[in-house]
Structures are given as structure tokens and as C-alpha cells.
Amino acid sequence: MCIRDRNITLRFLGAEEKAIISSILSNKGKTTQSKISKDTMFSRVKIFRILKKLEEKNIITKKPHGMTNVIELDEELKKILIG
């Protein structure tokens, strides 16, 4: 998928949501919450709130992993956005 198509797919998200999705995409659709914090420079609280919204929209899944969470894109979105 070209970058233009990816941007069209993500146009319904806010700028902060897009930043988090971009972080997840740069890690092949699966990453940790702490890695997202490092990539985006957002506070932990801000990331928690945005991830909660994305989880409610069924865009991501969040699973506990030690002291952090593993964040993964929905499988259908992963196919569309990553290929």
C-alpha cells in the first residue's frame, strides 16, 4: 500500500492517534506501550488515554506484558496498512 492510501485510511483519526498508529506501524504492527512512549514523546497518561480510545474503536488490542502492555493493530487493519 502506498503512503497516500495509508493516509486516506487513517484520515478519520486525530493527530495524536495517528502518531501512535505510526509508531505501531513502524514496529510491524506490534509494539509495547513503553516503546510508543519513547517514539512519540507523549506522557504515559496521554498514551494510556489514547490507547483506550483506539481499543474502544477496535483499532488495537492491548495485552499485559510484565510492567508494560503489548499493543497490536487489529488483524484486518494490519493487512490493509502493512500488507
N, C-alpha and C. Protein backbone atom coordinates (compact mmCIF):
# COMPACT_ATOMS: atom_id res chain seq x y z
N MET A 1 0.84 -1.17 0.00
CA MET A 1 0.00 0.00 0.00
C MET A 1 0.89 1.24 0.00
N CYS A 2 0.55 2.20 -0.82
CA CYS A 2 1.35 3.41 -0.86
C CYS A 2 1.00 4.33 0.31
N ILE A 3 1.88 5.28 0.57
CA ILE A 3 1.70 6.19 1.71
C ILE A 3 0.41 6.98 1.57
N ARG A 4 0.05 7.37 0.36
CA ARG A 4 -1.19 8.13 0.14
C ARG A 4 -2.40 7.31 0.58
N ASP A 5 -2.44 6.03 0.21
CA ASP A 5 -3.56 5.17 0.60
C ASP A 5 -3.61 5.00 2.11
N ARG A 6 -2.45 4.88 2.74
CA ARG A 6 -2.40 4.75 4.20
C ARG A 6 -2.97 6.00 4.85
N ASN A 7 -2.61 7.18 4.32
CA ASN A 7 -3.11 8.43 4.88
C ASN A 7 -4.61 8.56 4.72
N ILE A 8 -5.15 8.10 3.61
CA ILE A 8 -6.59 8.11 3.41
C ILE A 8 -7.27 7.20 4.42
N THR A 9 -6.70 6.05 4.64
CA THR A 9 -7.27 5.10 5.60
C THR A 9 -7.28 5.67 7.01
N LEU A 10 -6.25 6.44 7.36
CA LEU A 10 -6.12 6.97 8.72
C LEU A 10 -6.70 8.38 8.90
N ARG A 11 -7.32 8.93 7.89
CA ARG A 11 -7.77 10.32 7.98
C ARG A 11 -8.85 10.56 9.03
N PHE A 12 -9.49 9.52 9.49
CA PHE A 12 -10.54 9.68 10.49
C PHE A 12 -10.00 9.72 11.91
N LEU A 13 -8.70 9.60 12.06
CA LEU A 13 -8.08 9.65 13.38
C LEU A 13 -7.53 11.04 13.66
N GLY A 14 -7.46 11.41 14.94
CA GLY A 14 -6.84 12.66 15.33
C GLY A 14 -5.33 12.60 15.17
N ALA A 15 -4.67 13.73 15.27
CA ALA A 15 -3.22 13.79 15.07
C ALA A 15 -2.47 12.92 16.08
N GLU A 16 -2.91 12.94 17.33
CA GLU A 16 -2.23 12.14 18.35
C GLU A 16 -2.45 10.65 18.14
N GLU A 17 -3.67 10.29 17.71
CA GLU A 17 -3.95 8.88 17.41
C GLU A 17 -3.10 8.43 16.23
N LYS A 18 -2.96 9.29 15.22
CA LYS A 18 -2.13 8.95 14.06
C LYS A 18 -0.67 8.74 14.47
N ALA A 19 -0.17 9.56 15.39
CA ALA A 19 1.21 9.42 15.84
C ALA A 19 1.42 8.06 16.50
N ILE A 20 0.45 7.64 17.29
CA ILE A 20 0.56 6.34 17.96
C ILE A 20 0.47 5.21 16.95
N ILE A 21 -0.47 5.30 16.00
CA ILE A 21 -0.60 4.28 14.97
C ILE A 21 0.68 4.22 14.13
N SER A 22 1.27 5.36 13.83
CA SER A 22 2.53 5.39 13.07
C SER A 22 3.64 4.68 13.84
N SER A 23 3.68 4.87 15.14
CA SER A 23 4.67 4.18 15.97
C SER A 23 4.46 2.67 15.90
N ILE A 24 3.21 2.25 15.99
CA ILE A 24 2.91 0.81 15.91
C ILE A 24 3.28 0.27 14.54
N LEU A 25 2.95 1.01 13.48
CA LEU A 25 3.26 0.58 12.11
C LEU A 25 4.77 0.48 11.89
N SER A 26 5.53 1.39 12.48
CA SER A 26 6.98 1.36 12.29
C SER A 26 7.61 0.14 12.99
N ASN A 27 6.84 -0.50 13.85
CA ASN A 27 7.28 -1.71 14.53
C ASN A 27 6.52 -2.94 14.04
N LYS A 28 6.12 -2.90 12.78
CA LYS A 28 5.47 -4.03 12.09
C LYS A 28 4.13 -4.43 12.71
N GLY A 29 3.42 -3.45 13.26
CA GLY A 29 2.06 -3.71 13.74
C GLY A 29 1.96 -4.21 15.16
N LYS A 30 3.09 -4.34 15.86
CA LYS A 30 3.07 -4.84 17.24
C LYS A 30 4.24 -4.21 18.00
N THR A 31 3.93 -3.62 19.15
CA THR A 31 4.97 -2.96 19.95
C THR A 31 4.52 -2.89 21.40
N THR A 32 5.36 -2.33 22.24
CA THR A 32 4.98 -2.17 23.64
C THR A 32 4.56 -0.73 23.91
N GLN A 33 3.80 -0.57 24.96
CA GLN A 33 3.33 0.76 25.34
C GLN A 33 4.52 1.66 25.69
N SER A 34 5.54 1.10 26.31
CA SER A 34 6.72 1.90 26.66
C SER A 34 7.48 2.35 25.41
N LYS A 35 7.50 1.51 24.37
CA LYS A 35 8.16 1.89 23.10
C LYS A 35 7.39 3.03 22.44
N ILE A 36 6.07 2.98 22.50
CA ILE A 36 5.26 4.07 21.95
C ILE A 36 5.59 5.37 22.67
N SER A 37 5.75 5.30 23.98
CA SER A 37 6.09 6.47 24.77
C SER A 37 7.42 7.07 24.31
N LYS A 38 8.40 6.22 24.05
CA LYS A 38 9.70 6.69 23.58
C LYS A 38 9.60 7.28 22.17
N ASP A 39 8.82 6.63 21.31
CA ASP A 39 8.70 7.08 19.92
C ASP A 39 7.96 8.41 19.79
N THR A 40 6.91 8.59 20.57
CA THR A 40 6.04 9.77 20.41
C THR A 40 6.38 10.91 21.36
N MET A 41 7.09 10.61 22.44
CA MET A 41 7.41 11.60 23.48
C MET A 41 6.16 12.09 24.22
N PHE A 42 5.06 11.36 24.11
CA PHE A 42 3.85 11.68 24.86
C PHE A 42 4.01 11.14 26.28
N SER A 43 3.29 11.75 27.22
CA SER A 43 3.32 11.25 28.59
C SER A 43 2.63 9.88 28.66
N ARG A 44 2.95 9.14 29.71
CA ARG A 44 2.34 7.82 29.88
C ARG A 44 0.83 7.92 30.02
N VAL A 45 0.35 8.95 30.72
CA VAL A 45 -1.09 9.14 30.91
C VAL A 45 -1.77 9.43 29.57
N LYS A 46 -1.16 10.28 28.77
CA LYS A 46 -1.73 10.63 27.46
C LYS A 46 -1.80 9.38 26.57
N ILE A 47 -0.74 8.60 26.56
CA ILE A 47 -0.73 7.37 25.76
C ILE A 47 -1.81 6.41 26.24
N PHE A 48 -1.93 6.26 27.56
CA PHE A 48 -2.96 5.38 28.12
C PHE A 48 -4.35 5.79 27.62
N ARG A 49 -4.65 7.07 27.67
CA ARG A 49 -5.97 7.56 27.25
C ARG A 49 -6.21 7.37 25.76
N ILE A 50 -5.20 7.65 24.95
CA ILE A 50 -5.36 7.48 23.51
C ILE A 50 -5.51 6.00 23.16
N LEU A 51 -4.71 5.14 23.79
CA LEU A 51 -4.81 3.71 23.53
C LEU A 51 -6.18 3.18 23.94
N LYS A 52 -6.72 3.70 25.02
CA LYS A 52 -8.05 3.28 25.45
C LYS A 52 -9.09 3.62 24.37
N LYS A 53 -9.00 4.81 23.80
CA LYS A 53 -9.91 5.21 22.72
C LYS A 53 -9.75 4.29 21.51
N LEU A 54 -8.50 4.01 21.15
CA LEU A 54 -8.24 3.15 19.98
C LEU A 54 -8.73 1.73 20.23
N GLU A 55 -8.62 1.27 21.47
CA GLU A 55 -9.11 -0.06 21.82
C GLU A 55 -10.64 -0.10 21.76
N GLU A 56 -11.29 0.96 22.21
CA GLU A 56 -12.76 1.03 22.13
C GLU A 56 -13.25 1.05 20.69
N LYS A 57 -12.45 1.61 19.79
CA LYS A 57 -12.79 1.65 18.36
C LYS A 57 -12.38 0.36 17.65
N ASN A 58 -11.84 -0.61 18.39
CA ASN A 58 -11.36 -1.90 17.85
C ASN A 58 -10.26 -1.73 16.81
N ILE A 59 -9.43 -0.72 17.00
CA ILE A 59 -8.30 -0.50 16.11
C ILE A 59 -7.07 -1.26 16.61
N ILE A 60 -6.94 -1.37 17.93
CA ILE A 60 -5.82 -2.07 18.54
C ILE A 60 -6.31 -3.05 19.60
N THR A 61 -5.41 -3.96 19.98
CA THR A 61 -5.65 -4.79 21.16
C THR A 61 -4.48 -4.54 22.11
N LYS A 62 -4.78 -4.64 23.39
CA LYS A 62 -3.78 -4.37 24.42
C LYS A 62 -3.73 -5.57 25.36
N LYS A 63 -2.53 -6.13 25.52
CA LYS A 63 -2.35 -7.29 26.39
C LYS A 63 -1.23 -7.01 27.38
N PRO A 64 -1.44 -7.34 28.67
CA PRO A 64 -0.39 -7.12 29.66
C PRO A 64 0.87 -7.93 29.33
N HIS A 65 2.02 -7.31 29.59
CA HIS A 65 3.30 -7.97 29.35
C HIS A 65 4.30 -7.41 30.36
N GLY A 66 4.41 -8.08 31.50
CA GLY A 66 5.31 -7.59 32.55
C GLY A 66 4.83 -6.26 33.10
N MET A 67 5.71 -5.27 33.10
CA MET A 67 5.38 -3.95 33.62
C MET A 67 4.80 -3.03 32.55
N THR A 68 4.57 -3.54 31.35
CA THR A 68 4.02 -2.73 30.26
C THR A 68 2.92 -3.53 29.57
N ASN A 69 2.46 -3.04 28.45
CA ASN A 69 1.44 -3.72 27.65
C ASN A 69 1.96 -3.90 26.23
N VAL A 70 1.57 -4.99 25.61
CA VAL A 70 1.86 -5.20 24.19
C VAL A 70 0.66 -4.66 23.42
N ILE A 71 0.95 -3.78 22.47
CA ILE A 71 -0.09 -3.15 21.67
C ILE A 71 0.02 -3.70 20.25
N GLU A 72 -1.10 -4.17 19.73
CA GLU A 72 -1.10 -4.75 18.38
C GLU A 72 -2.27 -4.21 17.59
N LEU A 73 -2.00 -3.89 16.32
CA LEU A 73 -3.07 -3.46 15.43
C LEU A 73 -4.04 -4.59 15.18
N ASP A 74 -5.29 -4.25 14.95
CA ASP A 74 -6.28 -5.23 14.54
C ASP A 74 -5.78 -5.94 13.28
N GLU A 75 -6.04 -7.24 13.20
CA GLU A 75 -5.51 -8.04 12.08
C GLU A 75 -5.95 -7.50 10.71
N GLU A 76 -7.21 -7.10 10.58
CA GLU A 76 -7.68 -6.58 9.29
C GLU A 76 -6.97 -5.28 8.93
N LEU A 77 -6.81 -4.40 9.92
CA LEU A 77 -6.09 -3.15 9.67
C LEU A 77 -4.63 -3.41 9.34
N LYS A 78 -4.06 -4.38 10.01
CA LYS A 78 -2.66 -4.72 9.75
C LYS A 78 -2.48 -5.14 8.29
N LYS A 79 -3.41 -5.95 7.79
CA LYS A 79 -3.34 -6.38 6.38
C LYS A 79 -3.45 -5.19 5.44
N ILE A 80 -4.33 -4.25 5.77
CA ILE A 80 -4.53 -3.08 4.91
C ILE A 80 -3.32 -2.15 4.96
N LEU A 81 -2.83 -1.87 6.16
CA LEU A 81 -1.80 -0.85 6.33
C LEU A 81 -0.38 -1.35 6.11
N ILE A 82 -0.14 -2.62 6.42
CA ILE A 82 1.21 -3.16 6.28
C ILE A 82 1.35 -4.01 5.03
N GLY A 83 0.32 -4.74 4.72
CA GLY A 83 0.35 -5.55 3.51
C GLY A 83 0.35 -7.02 3.77
